[in-house]
Amino acid sequence: MNISSAIVYAKPLHETALRAQLTALPGVEIHANTEDGRLIVTLECDDDEQSIDLYKTIEHLPGVLSVAMIYQQTESNPDQELTPCK
């Protein structure tokens, strides 16, 4: 599983439509936005190739100025996540 976060820079007049398009994409979740059109999103994909394809899809959505990956993690076996220490 590939989990990453990104900032999507949107044209201010397109933000509402872009939010709808982003939330319609599988594995994409919007966590925050700013008044100047930045959207903080996470992407969950099965593998790196699917993640790359999803970034390309987002980059080509109408109203997107740019996409900047902030964090990326690959889990080889997500069912065996570490539990926090007590």
PDB file of N, CA and C in Angstrom:
ATOM      1  N   MET A   1       0.851  -1.174   0.000  1.00  0.00           N
ATOM      2  CA  MET A   1       0.000   0.000   0.000  1.00  0.00           C
ATOM      3  C   MET A   1       0.897   1.238   0.000  1.00  0.00           C
ATOM      4  N   ASN A   2       0.530   2.205  -0.789  1.00  0.00           N
ATOM      5  CA  ASN A   2       1.260   3.469  -0.875  1.00  0.00           C
ATOM      6  C   ASN A   2       0.364   4.566  -0.300  1.00  0.00           C
ATOM      7  N   ILE A   3       0.872   5.249   0.709  1.00  0.00           N
ATOM      8  CA  ILE A   3       0.142   6.349   1.347  1.00  0.00           C
ATOM      9  C   ILE A   3       0.979   7.601   1.177  1.00  0.00           C
ATOM     10  N   SER A   4       0.359   8.662   0.689  1.00  0.00           N
ATOM     11  CA  SER A   4       1.094   9.916   0.535  1.00  0.00           C
ATOM     12  C   SER A   4       0.176  11.099   0.800  1.00  0.00           C
ATOM     13  N   SER A   5       0.815  12.231   1.058  1.00  0.00           N
ATOM     14  CA  SER A   5       0.057  13.471   1.221  1.00  0.00           C
ATOM     15  C   SER A   5       0.627  14.501   0.271  1.00  0.00           C
ATOM     16  N   ALA A   6      -0.229  15.446  -0.100  1.00  0.00           N
ATOM     17  CA  ALA A   6       0.181  16.454  -1.074  1.00  0.00           C
ATOM     18  C   ALA A   6      -0.585  17.749  -0.844  1.00  0.00           C
ATOM     19  N   ILE A   7      -0.023  18.808  -1.380  1.00  0.00           N
ATOM     20  CA  ILE A   7      -0.730  20.079  -1.458  1.00  0.00           C
ATOM     21  C   ILE A   7      -1.106  20.275  -2.919  1.00  0.00           C
ATOM     22  N   VAL A   8      -2.397  20.466  -3.155  1.00  0.00           N
ATOM     23  CA  VAL A   8      -2.892  20.742  -4.499  1.00  0.00           C
ATOM     24  C   VAL A   8      -3.172  22.238  -4.563  1.00  0.00           C
ATOM     25  N   TYR A   9      -2.493  22.924  -5.465  1.00  0.00           N
ATOM     26  CA  TYR A   9      -2.690  24.355  -5.643  1.00  0.00           C
ATOM     27  C   TYR A   9      -3.755  24.562  -6.711  1.00  0.00           C
ATOM     28  N   ALA A  10      -4.868  25.181  -6.316  1.00  0.00           N
ATOM     29  CA  ALA A  10      -6.002  25.360  -7.224  1.00  0.00           C
ATOM     30  C   ALA A  10      -6.158  26.815  -7.623  1.00  0.00           C
ATOM     31  N   LYS A  11      -6.672  27.014  -8.829  1.00  0.00           N
ATOM     32  CA  LYS A  11      -7.078  28.357  -9.236  1.00  0.00           C
ATOM     33  C   LYS A  11      -8.254  28.736  -8.340  1.00  0.00           C
ATOM     34  N   PRO A  12      -8.226  29.919  -7.714  1.00  0.00           N
ATOM     35  CA  PRO A  12      -9.269  30.280  -6.741  1.00  0.00           C
ATOM     36  C   PRO A  12     -10.702  30.126  -7.239  1.00  0.00           C
ATOM     37  N   LEU A  13     -10.986  30.429  -8.470  1.00  0.00           N
ATOM     38  CA  LEU A  13     -12.357  30.327  -8.976  1.00  0.00           C
ATOM     39  C   LEU A  13     -12.782  28.883  -9.242  1.00  0.00           C
ATOM     40  N   HIS A  14     -11.833  27.949  -9.231  1.00  0.00           N
ATOM     41  CA  HIS A  14     -12.134  26.551  -9.540  1.00  0.00           C
ATOM     42  C   HIS A  14     -12.135  25.650  -8.304  1.00  0.00           C
ATOM     43  N   GLU A  15     -11.898  26.210  -7.125  1.00  0.00           N
ATOM     44  CA  GLU A  15     -11.708  25.376  -5.941  1.00  0.00           C
ATOM     45  C   GLU A  15     -12.920  24.501  -5.619  1.00  0.00           C
ATOM     46  N   THR A  16     -14.121  25.037  -5.682  1.00  0.00           N
ATOM     47  CA  THR A  16     -15.308  24.260  -5.335  1.00  0.00           C
ATOM     48  C   THR A  16     -15.477  23.066  -6.273  1.00  0.00           C
ATOM     49  N   ALA A  17     -15.358  23.287  -7.561  1.00  0.00           N
ATOM     50  CA  ALA A  17     -15.478  22.194  -8.528  1.00  0.00           C
ATOM     51  C   ALA A  17     -14.342  21.187  -8.357  1.00  0.00           C
ATOM     52  N   LEU A  18     -13.162  21.688  -8.084  1.00  0.00           N
ATOM     53  CA  LEU A  18     -12.009  20.810  -7.911  1.00  0.00           C
ATOM     54  C   LEU A  18     -12.171  19.931  -6.676  1.00  0.00           C
ATOM     55  N   ARG A  19     -12.708  20.493  -5.597  1.00  0.00           N
ATOM     56  CA  ARG A  19     -12.950  19.688  -4.390  1.00  0.00           C
ATOM     57  C   ARG A  19     -13.873  18.514  -4.710  1.00  0.00           C
ATOM     58  N   ALA A  20     -14.909  18.747  -5.489  1.00  0.00           N
ATOM     59  CA  ALA A  20     -15.835  17.677  -5.863  1.00  0.00           C
ATOM     60  C   ALA A  20     -15.132  16.624  -6.718  1.00  0.00           C
ATOM     61  N   GLN A  21     -14.296  17.064  -7.644  1.00  0.00           N
ATOM     62  CA  GLN A  21     -13.578  16.126  -8.500  1.00  0.00           C
ATOM     63  C   GLN A  21     -12.582  15.290  -7.700  1.00  0.00           C
ATOM     64  N   LEU A  22     -11.890  15.924  -6.758  1.00  0.00           N
ATOM     65  CA  LEU A  22     -10.913  15.204  -5.953  1.00  0.00           C
ATOM     66  C   LEU A  22     -11.573  14.151  -5.073  1.00  0.00           C
ATOM     67  N   THR A  23     -12.666  14.519  -4.418  1.00  0.00           N
ATOM     68  CA  THR A  23     -13.323  13.561  -3.526  1.00  0.00           C
ATOM     69  C   THR A  23     -13.972  12.418  -4.300  1.00  0.00           C
ATOM     70  N   ALA A  24     -14.201  12.591  -5.587  1.00  0.00           N
ATOM     71  CA  ALA A  24     -14.758  11.514  -6.412  1.00  0.00           C
ATOM     72  C   ALA A  24     -13.695  10.491  -6.815  1.00  0.00           C
ATOM     73  N   LEU A  25     -12.429  10.847  -6.678  1.00  0.00           N
ATOM     74  CA  LEU A  25     -11.351   9.926  -7.037  1.00  0.00           C
ATOM     75  C   LEU A  25     -11.156   8.895  -5.927  1.00  0.00           C
ATOM     76  N   PRO A  26     -11.030   7.615  -6.268  1.00  0.00           N
ATOM     77  CA  PRO A  26     -10.836   6.591  -5.227  1.00  0.00           C
ATOM     78  C   PRO A  26      -9.499   6.771  -4.513  1.00  0.00           C
ATOM     79  N   GLY A  27      -9.539   6.727  -3.188  1.00  0.00           N
ATOM     80  CA  GLY A  27      -8.326   6.833  -2.387  1.00  0.00           C
ATOM     81  C   GLY A  27      -7.906   8.242  -2.042  1.00  0.00           C
ATOM     82  N   VAL A  28      -8.642   9.254  -2.498  1.00  0.00           N
ATOM     83  CA  VAL A  28      -8.282  10.651  -2.232  1.00  0.00           C
ATOM     84  C   VAL A  28      -9.193  11.212  -1.152  1.00  0.00           C
ATOM     85  N   GLU A  29      -8.575  11.880  -0.188  1.00  0.00           N
ATOM     86  CA  GLU A  29      -9.331  12.536   0.874  1.00  0.00           C
ATOM     87  C   GLU A  29      -8.764  13.937   1.090  1.00  0.00           C
ATOM     88  N   ILE A  30      -9.641  14.928   1.194  1.00  0.00           N
ATOM     89  CA  ILE A  30      -9.230  16.309   1.462  1.00  0.00           C
ATOM     90  C   ILE A  30      -9.304  16.535   2.968  1.00  0.00           C
ATOM     91  N   HIS A  31      -8.216  17.062   3.538  1.00  0.00           N
ATOM     92  CA  HIS A  31      -8.161  17.268   4.983  1.00  0.00           C
ATOM     93  C   HIS A  31      -8.258  18.743   5.382  1.00  0.00           C
ATOM     94  N   ALA A  32      -7.840  19.623   4.512  1.00  0.00           N
ATOM     95  CA  ALA A  32      -7.879  21.053   4.839  1.00  0.00           C
ATOM     96  C   ALA A  32      -7.741  21.857   3.559  1.00  0.00           C
ATOM     97  N   ASN A  33      -8.099  23.130   3.663  1.00  0.00           N
ATOM     98  CA  ASN A  33      -7.905  24.047   2.542  1.00  0.00           C
ATOM     99  C   ASN A  33      -7.622  25.439   3.086  1.00  0.00           C
ATOM    100  N   THR A  34      -7.036  26.267   2.253  1.00  0.00           N
ATOM    101  CA  THR A  34      -6.723  27.637   2.633  1.00  0.00           C
ATOM    102  C   THR A  34      -7.502  28.588   1.736  1.00  0.00           C
ATOM    103  N   GLU A  35      -7.572  29.833   2.148  1.00  0.00           N
ATOM    104  CA  GLU A  35      -8.310  30.840   1.376  1.00  0.00           C
ATOM    105  C   GLU A  35      -7.685  31.114   0.012  1.00  0.00           C
ATOM    106  N   ASP A  36      -6.383  30.855  -0.111  1.00  0.00           N
ATOM    107  CA  ASP A  36      -5.716  31.130  -1.389  1.00  0.00           C
ATOM    108  C   ASP A  36      -5.716  29.930  -2.345  1.00  0.00           C
ATOM    109  N   GLY A  37      -6.516  28.888  -2.033  1.00  0.00           N
ATOM    110  CA  GLY A  37      -6.701  27.797  -2.979  1.00  0.00           C
ATOM    111  C   GLY A  37      -5.831  26.576  -2.783  1.00  0.00           C
ATOM    112  N   ARG A  38      -5.150  26.447  -1.644  1.00  0.00           N
ATOM    113  CA  ARG A  38      -4.355  25.238  -1.395  1.00  0.00           C
ATOM    114  C   ARG A  38      -5.226  24.196  -0.701  1.00  0.00           C
ATOM    115  N   LEU A  39      -5.139  22.959  -1.172  1.00  0.00           N
ATOM    116  CA  LEU A  39      -5.883  21.845  -0.592  1.00  0.00           C
ATOM    117  C   LEU A  39      -4.884  20.804  -0.089  1.00  0.00           C
ATOM    118  N   ILE A  40      -5.029  20.393   1.152  1.00  0.00           N
ATOM    119  CA  ILE A  40      -4.184  19.351   1.724  1.00  0.00           C
ATOM    120  C   ILE A  40      -4.930  18.031   1.537  1.00  0.00           C
ATOM    121  N   VAL A  41      -4.312  17.085   0.821  1.00  0.00           N
ATOM    122  CA  VAL A  41      -4.968  15.827   0.513  1.00  0.00           C
ATOM    123  C   VAL A  41      -4.076  14.641   0.877  1.00  0.00           C
ATOM    124  N   THR A  42      -4.715  13.489   1.097  1.00  0.00           N
ATOM    125  CA  THR A  42      -3.988  12.235   1.201  1.00  0.00           C
ATOM    126  C   THR A  42      -4.454  11.317   0.079  1.00  0.00           C
ATOM    127  N   LEU A  43      -3.547  10.453  -0.337  1.00  0.00           N
ATOM    128  CA  LEU A  43      -3.826   9.485  -1.383  1.00  0.00           C
ATOM    129  C   LEU A  43      -3.434   8.107  -0.862  1.00  0.00           C
ATOM    130  N   GLU A  44      -4.334   7.158  -0.969  1.00  0.00           N
ATOM    131  CA  GLU A  44      -4.050   5.775  -0.601  1.00  0.00           C
ATOM    132  C   GLU A  44      -4.220   4.917  -1.841  1.00  0.00           C
ATOM    133  N   CYS A  45      -3.148   4.240  -2.213  1.00  0.00           N
ATOM    134  CA  CYS A  45      -3.148   3.424  -3.426  1.00  0.00           C
ATOM    135  C   CYS A  45      -2.584   2.041  -3.119  1.00  0.00           C
ATOM    136  N   ASP A  46      -2.873   1.084  -3.999  1.00  0.00           N
ATOM    137  CA  ASP A  46      -2.381  -0.277  -3.802  1.00  0.00           C
ATOM    138  C   ASP A  46      -0.876  -0.391  -4.004  1.00  0.00           C
ATOM    139  N   ASP A  47      -0.322   0.402  -4.935  1.00  0.00           N
ATOM    140  CA  ASP A  47       1.103   0.299  -5.222  1.00  0.00           C
ATOM    141  C   ASP A  47       1.623   1.626  -5.774  1.00  0.00           C
ATOM    142  N   ASP A  48       2.929   1.671  -6.014  1.00  0.00           N
ATOM    143  CA  ASP A  48       3.565   2.906  -6.493  1.00  0.00           C
ATOM    144  C   ASP A  48       3.045   3.326  -7.867  1.00  0.00           C
ATOM    145  N   GLU A  49       2.832   2.370  -8.746  1.00  0.00           N
ATOM    146  CA  GLU A  49       2.364   2.704 -10.098  1.00  0.00           C
ATOM    147  C   GLU A  49       0.985   3.355 -10.057  1.00  0.00           C
ATOM    148  N   GLN A  50       0.095   2.814  -9.258  1.00  0.00           N
ATOM    149  CA  GLN A  50      -1.238   3.402  -9.114  1.00  0.00           C
ATOM    150  C   GLN A  50      -1.138   4.805  -8.512  1.00  0.00           C
ATOM    151  N   SER A  51      -0.216   4.997  -7.586  1.00  0.00           N
ATOM    152  CA  SER A  51      -0.017   6.308  -6.968  1.00  0.00           C
ATOM    153  C   SER A  51       0.450   7.333  -8.009  1.00  0.00           C
ATOM    154  N   ILE A  52       1.385   6.942  -8.838  1.00  0.00           N
ATOM    155  CA  ILE A  52       1.879   7.838  -9.888  1.00  0.00           C
ATOM    156  C   ILE A  52       0.746   8.214 -10.839  1.00  0.00           C
ATOM    157  N   ASP A  53      -0.045   7.229 -11.226  1.00  0.00           N
ATOM    158  CA  ASP A  53      -1.173   7.492 -12.123  1.00  0.00           C
ATOM    159  C   ASP A  53      -2.170   8.458 -11.486  1.00  0.00           C
ATOM    160  N   LEU A  54      -2.418   8.291 -10.191  1.00  0.00           N
ATOM    161  CA  LEU A  54      -3.360   9.172  -9.498  1.00  0.00           C
ATOM    162  C   LEU A  54      -2.824  10.599  -9.421  1.00  0.00           C
ATOM    163  N   TYR A  55      -1.528  10.757  -9.155  1.00  0.00           N
ATOM    164  CA  TYR A  55      -0.929  12.099  -9.158  1.00  0.00           C
ATOM    165  C   TYR A  55      -1.055  12.751 -10.534  1.00  0.00           C
ATOM    166  N   LYS A  56      -0.837  11.984 -11.592  1.00  0.00           N
ATOM    167  CA  LYS A  56      -0.972  12.524 -12.949  1.00  0.00           C
ATOM    168  C   LYS A  56      -2.414  12.928 -13.233  1.00  0.00           C
ATOM    169  N   THR A  57      -3.370  12.124 -12.769  1.00  0.00           N
ATOM    170  CA  THR A  57      -4.788  12.453 -12.945  1.00  0.00           C
ATOM    171  C   THR A  57      -5.115  13.762 -12.250  1.00  0.00           C
ATOM    172  N   ILE A  58      -4.660  13.908 -11.014  1.00  0.00           N
ATOM    173  CA  ILE A  58      -4.931  15.136 -10.251  1.00  0.00           C
ATOM    174  C   ILE A  58      -4.292  16.331 -10.937  1.00  0.00           C
ATOM    175  N   GLU A  59      -3.068  16.168 -11.377  1.00  0.00           N
ATOM    176  CA  GLU A  59      -2.331  17.261 -12.029  1.00  0.00           C
ATOM    177  C   GLU A  59      -3.058  17.792 -13.261  1.00  0.00           C
ATOM    178  N   HIS A  60      -3.814  16.935 -13.949  1.00  0.00           N
ATOM    179  CA  HIS A  60      -4.491  17.332 -15.180  1.00  0.00           C
ATOM    180  C   HIS A  60      -5.958  17.719 -14.986  1.00  0.00           C
ATOM    181  N   LEU A  61      -6.432  17.759 -13.736  1.00  0.00           N
ATOM    182  CA  LEU A  61      -7.806  18.196 -13.492  1.00  0.00           C
ATOM    183  C   LEU A  61      -7.934  19.694 -13.792  1.00  0.00           C
ATOM    184  N   PRO A  62      -9.063  20.121 -14.325  1.00  0.00           N
ATOM    185  CA  PRO A  62      -9.265  21.554 -14.585  1.00  0.00           C
ATOM    186  C   PRO A  62      -9.172  22.350 -13.281  1.00  0.00           C
ATOM    187  N   GLY A  63      -8.432  23.427 -13.323  1.00  0.00           N
ATOM    188  CA  GLY A  63      -8.302  24.298 -12.155  1.00  0.00           C
ATOM    189  C   GLY A  63      -7.087  24.018 -11.293  1.00  0.00           C
ATOM    190  N   VAL A  64      -6.333  22.958 -11.586  1.00  0.00           N
ATOM    191  CA  VAL A  64      -5.132  22.644 -10.809  1.00  0.00           C
ATOM    192  C   VAL A  64      -3.946  23.418 -11.381  1.00  0.00           C
ATOM    193  N   LEU A  65      -3.289  24.165 -10.511  1.00  0.00           N
ATOM    194  CA  LEU A  65      -2.076  24.870 -10.917  1.00  0.00           C
ATOM    195  C   LEU A  65      -0.860  23.968 -10.774  1.00  0.00           C
ATOM    196  N   SER A  66      -0.784  23.245  -9.630  1.00  0.00           N
ATOM    197  CA  SER A  66       0.308  22.303  -9.407  1.00  0.00           C
ATOM    198  C   SER A  66      -0.030  21.379  -8.247  1.00  0.00           C
ATOM    199  N   VAL A  67       0.741  20.303  -8.153  1.00  0.00           N
ATOM    200  CA  VAL A  67       0.599  19.336  -7.070  1.00  0.00           C
ATOM    201  C   VAL A  67       1.988  19.116  -6.486  1.00  0.00           C
ATOM    202  N   ALA A  68       2.110  19.201  -5.161  1.00  0.00           N
ATOM    203  CA  ALA A  68       3.395  19.004  -4.501  1.00  0.00           C
ATOM    204  C   ALA A  68       3.268  17.892  -3.460  1.00  0.00           C
ATOM    205  N   MET A  69       3.986  16.786  -3.689  1.00  0.00           N
ATOM    206  CA  MET A  69       3.987  15.705  -2.711  1.00  0.00           C
ATOM    207  C   MET A  69       4.743  16.169  -1.466  1.00  0.00           C
ATOM    208  N   ILE A  70       4.164  15.901  -0.300  1.00  0.00           N
ATOM    209  CA  ILE A  70       4.777  16.300   0.960  1.00  0.00           C
ATOM    210  C   ILE A  70       5.349  15.098   1.697  1.00  0.00           C
ATOM    211  N   TYR A  71       4.641  13.978   1.629  1.00  0.00           N
ATOM    212  CA  TYR A  71       5.038  12.792   2.382  1.00  0.00           C
ATOM    213  C   TYR A  71       4.623  11.560   1.590  1.00  0.00           C
ATOM    214  N   GLN A  72       5.438  10.493   1.689  1.00  0.00           N
ATOM    215  CA  GLN A  72       5.101   9.238   1.022  1.00  0.00           C
ATOM    216  C   GLN A  72       5.629   8.090   1.863  1.00  0.00           C
ATOM    217  N   GLN A  73       4.808   7.039   1.991  1.00  0.00           N
ATOM    218  CA  GLN A  73       5.211   5.838   2.717  1.00  0.00           C
ATOM    219  C   GLN A  73       4.641   4.628   2.005  1.00  0.00           C
ATOM    220  N   THR A  74       5.457   3.594   1.890  1.00  0.00           N
ATOM    221  CA  THR A  74       5.002   2.346   1.296  1.00  0.00           C
ATOM    222  C   THR A  74       4.971   1.285   2.383  1.00  0.00           C
ATOM    223  N   GLU A  75       3.836   0.655   2.521  1.00  0.00           N
ATOM    224  CA  GLU A  75       3.664  -0.437   3.475  1.00  0.00           C
ATOM    225  C   GLU A  75       3.629  -1.736   2.691  1.00  0.00           C
ATOM    226  N   SER A  76       4.602  -2.621   2.936  1.00  0.00           N
ATOM    227  CA  SER A  76       4.613  -3.889   2.217  1.00  0.00           C
ATOM    228  C   SER A  76       3.526  -4.828   2.711  1.00  0.00           C
ATOM    229  N   ASN A  77       3.162  -4.708   3.994  1.00  0.00           N
ATOM    230  CA  ASN A  77       2.094  -5.533   4.539  1.00  0.00           C
ATOM    231  C   ASN A  77       1.288  -4.695   5.526  1.00  0.00           C
ATOM    232  N   PRO A  78       0.307  -3.930   5.051  1.00  0.00           N
ATOM    233  CA  PRO A  78      -0.436  -3.008   5.924  1.00  0.00           C
ATOM    234  C   PRO A  78      -1.216  -3.699   7.030  1.00  0.00           C
ATOM    235  N   ASP A  79      -1.461  -5.009   6.910  1.00  0.00           N
ATOM    236  CA  ASP A  79      -2.182  -5.722   7.961  1.00  0.00           C
ATOM    237  C   ASP A  79      -1.309  -5.972   9.188  1.00  0.00           C
ATOM    238  N   GLN A  80      -0.011  -5.770   9.053  1.00  0.00           N
ATOM    239  CA  GLN A  80       0.911  -5.973  10.165  1.00  0.00           C
ATOM    240  C   GLN A  80       1.494  -4.660  10.650  1.00  0.00           C
ATOM    241  N   GLU A  81       0.652  -3.670  10.856  1.00  0.00           N
ATOM    242  CA  GLU A  81       1.115  -2.369  11.314  1.00  0.00           C
ATOM    243  C   GLU A  81       1.687  -2.474  12.726  1.00  0.00           C
ATOM    244  N   LEU A  82       2.634  -1.616  13.015  1.00  0.00           N
ATOM    245  CA  LEU A  82       3.213  -1.572  14.349  1.00  0.00           C
ATOM    246  C   LEU A  82       2.208  -0.979  15.332  1.00  0.00           C
ATOM    247  N   THR A  83       2.192  -1.497  16.530  1.00  0.00           N
ATOM    248  CA  THR A  83       1.331  -0.928  17.559  1.00  0.00           C
ATOM    249  C   THR A  83       2.169  -0.003  18.415  1.00  0.00           C
ATOM    250  N   PRO A  84       1.583   1.086  18.930  1.00  0.00           N
ATOM    251  CA  PRO A  84       2.352   2.029  19.736  1.00  0.00           C
ATOM    252  C   PRO A  84       2.830   1.387  21.028  1.00  0.00           C
ATOM    253  N   CYS A  85       3.990   1.821  21.485  1.00  0.00           N
ATOM    254  CA  CYS A  85       4.544   1.357  22.766  1.00  0.00           C
ATOM    255  C   CYS A  85       3.761   2.000  23.911  1.00  0.00           C
ATOM    256  N   LYS A  86       3.621   1.258  24.985  1.00  0.00           N
ATOM    257  CA  LYS A  86       2.920   1.786  26.156  1.00  0.00           C
ATOM    258  C   LYS A  86       3.881   2.137  27.253  1.00  0.00           C
TER     259      LYS A  86
END
